[in-house]
């Protein structure tokens, strides 16, 4: 286990009341094949809301269009686009019920904190070589992420 206890940030204004899940729908713009469709993230967000878990959207300003599409499908999400640094991401991860995201850098940080996570891989990456490491990491992979149904992602989650 990595000791990231030193990595922390102020999340007082970021964290919702009650249980929350982190969604990381972005990734490198030049690698769109590594992104699960925004509509699927929106459907998953709505499912999480119905289960009593507020989805938190994480991403950079370059990903704001994707996060906005998800927020339009599930308006009760907490959109933190461009509002978090590494310390805040680690702090949010420590309090999250689960995180779901594409094969992208923030998922490595999130899983290293011990947060339960499902990471989505297309055929353009090899999870045997690059999957995030953590205590409770589930990897789901399809050649094309558009072939990975929301129901399968939902079933992979351990929600408390």
C-alpha atoms as a PDB file:
ATOM      1  CA  UNK A   1       0.000   0.000   0.000  1.00  0.00           C
ATOM      2  CA  UNK A   2       1.177   3.480  -0.807  1.00  0.00           C
ATOM      3  CA  UNK A   3       1.271   5.862   2.143  1.00  0.00           C
ATOM      4  CA  UNK A   4      -0.545   8.924   0.870  1.00  0.00           C
ATOM      5  CA  UNK A   5      -1.552  10.158   4.319  1.00  0.00           C
ATOM      6  CA  UNK A   6       0.499  13.300   3.660  1.00  0.00           C
ATOM      7  CA  UNK A   7      -1.556  14.126   0.560  1.00  0.00           C
ATOM      8  CA  UNK A   8      -4.624  16.034   1.678  1.00  0.00           C
ATOM      9  CA  UNK A   9      -6.713  19.034   0.765  1.00  0.00           C
ATOM     10  CA  UNK A  10      -9.572  21.163   1.987  1.00  0.00           C
ATOM     11  CA  UNK A  11     -12.822  19.701   0.677  1.00  0.00           C
ATOM     12  CA  UNK A  12     -15.230  21.460   3.055  1.00  0.00           C
ATOM     13  CA  UNK A  13     -16.958  23.309   0.209  1.00  0.00           C
ATOM     14  CA  UNK A  14     -16.701  20.432  -2.274  1.00  0.00           C
ATOM     15  CA  UNK A  15     -18.117  17.404  -0.504  1.00  0.00           C
ATOM     16  CA  UNK A  16     -21.891  16.888  -0.456  1.00  0.00           C
ATOM     17  CA  UNK A  17     -23.833  15.827   2.599  1.00  0.00           C
ATOM     18  CA  UNK A  18     -24.271  12.093   2.862  1.00  0.00           C
ATOM     19  CA  UNK A  19     -22.780   9.321   0.777  1.00  0.00           C
ATOM     20  CA  UNK A  20     -21.087  10.151  -2.491  1.00  0.00           C
ATOM     21  CA  UNK A  21     -19.420   8.439  -5.443  1.00  0.00           C
ATOM     22  CA  UNK A  22     -16.715   9.873  -7.669  1.00  0.00           C
ATOM     23  CA  UNK A  23     -17.051   9.794 -11.452  1.00  0.00           C
ATOM     24  CA  UNK A  24     -13.982  10.447 -13.632  1.00  0.00           C
ATOM     25  CA  UNK A  25     -15.343  10.528 -17.196  1.00  0.00           C
ATOM     26  CA  UNK A  26     -12.470  12.343 -18.864  1.00  0.00           C
ATOM     27  CA  UNK A  27      -9.123  11.415 -20.235  1.00  0.00           C
ATOM     28  CA  UNK A  28      -6.752  12.669 -22.871  1.00  0.00           C
ATOM     29  CA  UNK A  29      -8.678  14.488 -25.627  1.00  0.00           C
ATOM     30  CA  UNK A  30      -6.397  12.916 -28.214  1.00  0.00           C
ATOM     31  CA  UNK A  31      -7.512   9.447 -27.031  1.00  0.00           C
ATOM     32  CA  UNK A  32     -11.344   9.487 -27.304  1.00  0.00           C
ATOM     33  CA  UNK A  33     -11.363   5.703 -27.704  1.00  0.00           C
ATOM     34  CA  UNK A  34     -10.383   5.466 -24.023  1.00  0.00           C
ATOM     35  CA  UNK A  35     -13.582   7.210 -22.880  1.00  0.00           C
ATOM     36  CA  UNK A  36     -16.801   5.467 -21.881  1.00  0.00           C
ATOM     37  CA  UNK A  37     -19.671   7.429 -23.482  1.00  0.00           C
ATOM     38  CA  UNK A  38     -20.893  10.474 -21.534  1.00  0.00           C
ATOM     39  CA  UNK A  39     -24.471   9.241 -21.878  1.00  0.00           C
ATOM     40  CA  UNK A  40     -23.531   6.037 -20.064  1.00  0.00           C
ATOM     41  CA  UNK A  41     -21.916   8.050 -17.257  1.00  0.00           C
ATOM     42  CA  UNK A  42     -25.117  10.103 -17.079  1.00  0.00           C
ATOM     43  CA  UNK A  43     -27.242   6.974 -16.781  1.00  0.00           C
ATOM     44  CA  UNK A  44     -24.919   5.591 -14.098  1.00  0.00           C
ATOM     45  CA  UNK A  45     -25.039   8.928 -12.243  1.00  0.00           C
ATOM     46  CA  UNK A  46     -28.825   8.792 -12.199  1.00  0.00           C
ATOM     47  CA  UNK A  47     -28.712   5.234 -10.854  1.00  0.00           C
ATOM     48  CA  UNK A  48     -26.318   6.314  -8.099  1.00  0.00           C
ATOM     49  CA  UNK A  49     -28.603   9.208  -7.169  1.00  0.00           C
ATOM     50  CA  UNK A  50     -31.573   6.870  -6.932  1.00  0.00           C
ATOM     51  CA  UNK A  51     -29.518   4.652  -4.585  1.00  0.00           C
ATOM     52  CA  UNK A  52     -28.808   7.654  -2.319  1.00  0.00           C
ATOM     53  CA  UNK A  53     -25.246   8.395  -3.462  1.00  0.00           C
ATOM     54  CA  UNK A  54     -24.440  11.850  -4.828  1.00  0.00           C
ATOM     55  CA  UNK A  55     -22.144  11.559  -7.859  1.00  0.00           C
ATOM     56  CA  UNK A  56     -19.195  13.954  -7.886  1.00  0.00           C
ATOM     57  CA  UNK A  57     -17.798  14.720 -11.338  1.00  0.00           C
ATOM     58  CA  UNK A  58     -14.041  15.288 -11.522  1.00  0.00           C
ATOM     59  CA  UNK A  59     -12.209  16.634 -14.530  1.00  0.00           C
ATOM     60  CA  UNK A  60     -10.177  19.462 -15.952  1.00  0.00           C
ATOM     61  CA  UNK A  61     -11.431  22.497 -17.853  1.00  0.00           C
ATOM     62  CA  UNK A  62     -10.624  20.623 -21.089  1.00  0.00           C
ATOM     63  CA  UNK A  63     -13.241  18.038 -20.088  1.00  0.00           C
ATOM     64  CA  UNK A  64     -16.010  20.470 -19.171  1.00  0.00           C
ATOM     65  CA  UNK A  65     -18.137  19.569 -22.228  1.00  0.00           C
ATOM     66  CA  UNK A  66     -18.211  15.900 -21.188  1.00  0.00           C
ATOM     67  CA  UNK A  67     -19.014  16.757 -17.569  1.00  0.00           C
ATOM     68  CA  UNK A  68     -21.741  19.194 -18.676  1.00  0.00           C
ATOM     69  CA  UNK A  69     -23.395  16.453 -20.775  1.00  0.00           C
ATOM     70  CA  UNK A  70     -23.443  14.164 -17.745  1.00  0.00           C
ATOM     71  CA  UNK A  71     -24.805  16.913 -15.487  1.00  0.00           C
ATOM     72  CA  UNK A  72     -27.583  17.570 -18.010  1.00  0.00           C
ATOM     73  CA  UNK A  73     -28.636  13.917 -17.758  1.00  0.00           C
ATOM     74  CA  UNK A  74     -28.400  13.830 -13.947  1.00  0.00           C
ATOM     75  CA  UNK A  75     -28.816  17.424 -12.717  1.00  0.00           C
ATOM     76  CA  UNK A  76     -28.305  16.561  -9.031  1.00  0.00           C
ATOM     77  CA  UNK A  77     -24.643  15.617  -9.564  1.00  0.00           C
ATOM     78  CA  UNK A  78     -21.933  17.769  -7.987  1.00  0.00           C
ATOM     79  CA  UNK A  79     -19.835  19.067 -10.893  1.00  0.00           C
ATOM     80  CA  UNK A  80     -16.325  19.934  -9.694  1.00  0.00           C
ATOM     81  CA  UNK A  81     -14.867  20.530 -13.144  1.00  0.00           C
ATOM     82  CA  UNK A  82     -11.558  22.353 -12.803  1.00  0.00           C
ATOM     83  CA  UNK A  83     -12.037  22.914  -9.059  1.00  0.00           C
ATOM     84  CA  UNK A  84      -9.811  20.222  -7.532  1.00  0.00           C
ATOM     85  CA  UNK A  85      -6.108  19.723  -7.024  1.00  0.00           C
ATOM     86  CA  UNK A  86      -4.275  16.475  -6.224  1.00  0.00           C
ATOM     87  CA  UNK A  87      -4.708  16.883  -2.466  1.00  0.00           C
ATOM     88  CA  UNK A  88      -8.429  17.489  -2.784  1.00  0.00           C
ATOM     89  CA  UNK A  89      -8.851  14.497  -5.092  1.00  0.00           C
ATOM     90  CA  UNK A  90      -7.112  12.295  -2.504  1.00  0.00           C
ATOM     91  CA  UNK A  91      -9.270  13.697   0.310  1.00  0.00           C
ATOM     92  CA  UNK A  92     -12.456  13.184  -1.711  1.00  0.00           C
ATOM     93  CA  UNK A  93     -11.405   9.620  -2.539  1.00  0.00           C
ATOM     94  CA  UNK A  94     -10.904   8.776   1.134  1.00  0.00           C
ATOM     95  CA  UNK A  95     -14.519   9.672   1.841  1.00  0.00           C
ATOM     96  CA  UNK A  96     -16.139   8.226  -1.281  1.00  0.00           C
ATOM     97  CA  UNK A  97     -18.204   5.073  -1.295  1.00  0.00           C
ATOM     98  CA  UNK A  98     -16.783   4.185  -4.710  1.00  0.00           C
ATOM     99  CA  UNK A  99     -15.128   5.730  -7.766  1.00  0.00           C
ATOM    100  CA  UNK A 100     -15.809   4.911 -11.401  1.00  0.00           C
ATOM    101  CA  UNK A 101     -13.661   6.231 -14.193  1.00  0.00           C
ATOM    102  CA  UNK A 102     -11.859   5.784 -17.438  1.00  0.00           C
ATOM    103  CA  UNK A 103      -8.252   4.694 -17.733  1.00  0.00           C
ATOM    104  CA  UNK A 104      -6.840   8.089 -16.761  1.00  0.00           C
ATOM    105  CA  UNK A 105      -4.390   9.560 -14.263  1.00  0.00           C
ATOM    106  CA  UNK A 106      -6.784  10.605 -11.485  1.00  0.00           C
ATOM    107  CA  UNK A 107      -7.993   7.016 -11.131  1.00  0.00           C
ATOM    108  CA  UNK A 108      -4.448   5.989 -10.159  1.00  0.00           C
ATOM    109  CA  UNK A 109      -4.443   8.557  -7.363  1.00  0.00           C
ATOM    110  CA  UNK A 110      -7.964   7.617  -6.244  1.00  0.00           C
ATOM    111  CA  UNK A 111      -7.226   3.894  -6.039  1.00  0.00           C
ATOM    112  CA  UNK A 112      -3.927   4.503  -4.226  1.00  0.00           C
ATOM    113  CA  UNK A 113      -5.887   6.074  -1.359  1.00  0.00           C
ATOM    114  CA  UNK A 114      -7.728   2.785  -0.854  1.00  0.00           C
ATOM    115  CA  UNK A 115     -10.998   3.904  -2.428  1.00  0.00           C
ATOM    116  CA  UNK A 116     -12.999   1.079  -3.982  1.00  0.00           C
ATOM    117  CA  UNK A 117     -13.002   1.669  -7.729  1.00  0.00           C
ATOM    118  CA  UNK A 118     -14.098   0.371 -11.100  1.00  0.00           C
ATOM    119  CA  UNK A 119     -11.785   1.403 -13.922  1.00  0.00           C
ATOM    120  CA  UNK A 120     -12.928   1.205 -17.540  1.00  0.00           C
ATOM    121  CA  UNK A 121     -10.482   0.127 -20.245  1.00  0.00           C
ATOM    122  CA  UNK A 122     -10.862   0.023 -23.998  1.00  0.00           C
ATOM    123  CA  UNK A 123      -8.825  -2.295 -26.185  1.00  0.00           C
ATOM    124  CA  UNK A 124      -6.354   0.546 -26.680  1.00  0.00           C
ATOM    125  CA  UNK A 125      -4.703  -0.064 -23.303  1.00  0.00           C
ATOM    126  CA  UNK A 126      -3.513  -3.161 -21.507  1.00  0.00           C
ATOM    127  CA  UNK A 127      -4.744  -3.242 -17.898  1.00  0.00           C
ATOM    128  CA  UNK A 128      -2.176  -5.960 -17.137  1.00  0.00           C
ATOM    129  CA  UNK A 129       0.447  -3.247 -17.670  1.00  0.00           C
ATOM    130  CA  UNK A 130      -1.307  -0.024 -16.687  1.00  0.00           C
ATOM    131  CA  UNK A 131      -4.254  -0.712 -14.380  1.00  0.00           C
ATOM    132  CA  UNK A 132      -4.439   1.421 -11.241  1.00  0.00           C
ATOM    133  CA  UNK A 133      -3.293  -0.339  -8.085  1.00  0.00           C
ATOM    134  CA  UNK A 134      -5.304  -0.412  -4.892  1.00  0.00           C
ATOM    135  CA  UNK A 135      -7.043  -2.618  -2.367  1.00  0.00           C
ATOM    136  CA  UNK A 136     -10.369  -2.828  -4.196  1.00  0.00           C
ATOM    137  CA  UNK A 137      -9.935  -2.202  -7.922  1.00  0.00           C
ATOM    138  CA  UNK A 138     -12.195  -3.797 -10.521  1.00  0.00           C
ATOM    139  CA  UNK A 139     -11.165  -3.533 -14.157  1.00  0.00           C
ATOM    140  CA  UNK A 140     -13.786  -3.806 -16.893  1.00  0.00           C
ATOM    141  CA  UNK A 141     -12.582  -3.905 -20.479  1.00  0.00           C
ATOM    142  CA  UNK A 142     -14.135  -3.971 -23.934  1.00  0.00           C
ATOM    143  CA  UNK A 143     -12.484  -3.447 -27.301  1.00  0.00           C
ATOM    144  CA  UNK A 144     -14.848  -0.485 -27.713  1.00  0.00           C
ATOM    145  CA  UNK A 145     -16.101   1.117 -24.507  1.00  0.00           C
ATOM    146  CA  UNK A 146     -19.437   1.831 -26.166  1.00  0.00           C
ATOM    147  CA  UNK A 147     -19.987  -1.953 -25.921  1.00  0.00           C
ATOM    148  CA  UNK A 148     -19.702  -1.909 -22.112  1.00  0.00           C
ATOM    149  CA  UNK A 149     -23.259  -1.663 -20.738  1.00  0.00           C
ATOM    150  CA  UNK A 150     -24.166   0.507 -17.773  1.00  0.00           C
ATOM    151  CA  UNK A 151     -25.717  -2.531 -16.098  1.00  0.00           C
ATOM    152  CA  UNK A 152     -22.358  -4.324 -16.005  1.00  0.00           C
ATOM    153  CA  UNK A 153     -20.595  -1.307 -14.528  1.00  0.00           C
ATOM    154  CA  UNK A 154     -23.363  -0.943 -11.935  1.00  0.00           C
ATOM    155  CA  UNK A 155     -23.069  -4.627 -10.985  1.00  0.00           C
ATOM    156  CA  UNK A 156     -19.319  -4.197 -10.395  1.00  0.00           C
ATOM    157  CA  UNK A 157     -19.895  -1.614  -7.666  1.00  0.00           C
ATOM    158  CA  UNK A 158     -19.878  -2.357  -3.961  1.00  0.00           C
ATOM    159  CA  UNK A 159     -22.110   0.315  -2.484  1.00  0.00           C
ATOM    160  CA  UNK A 160     -22.537   0.704   1.242  1.00  0.00           C
END
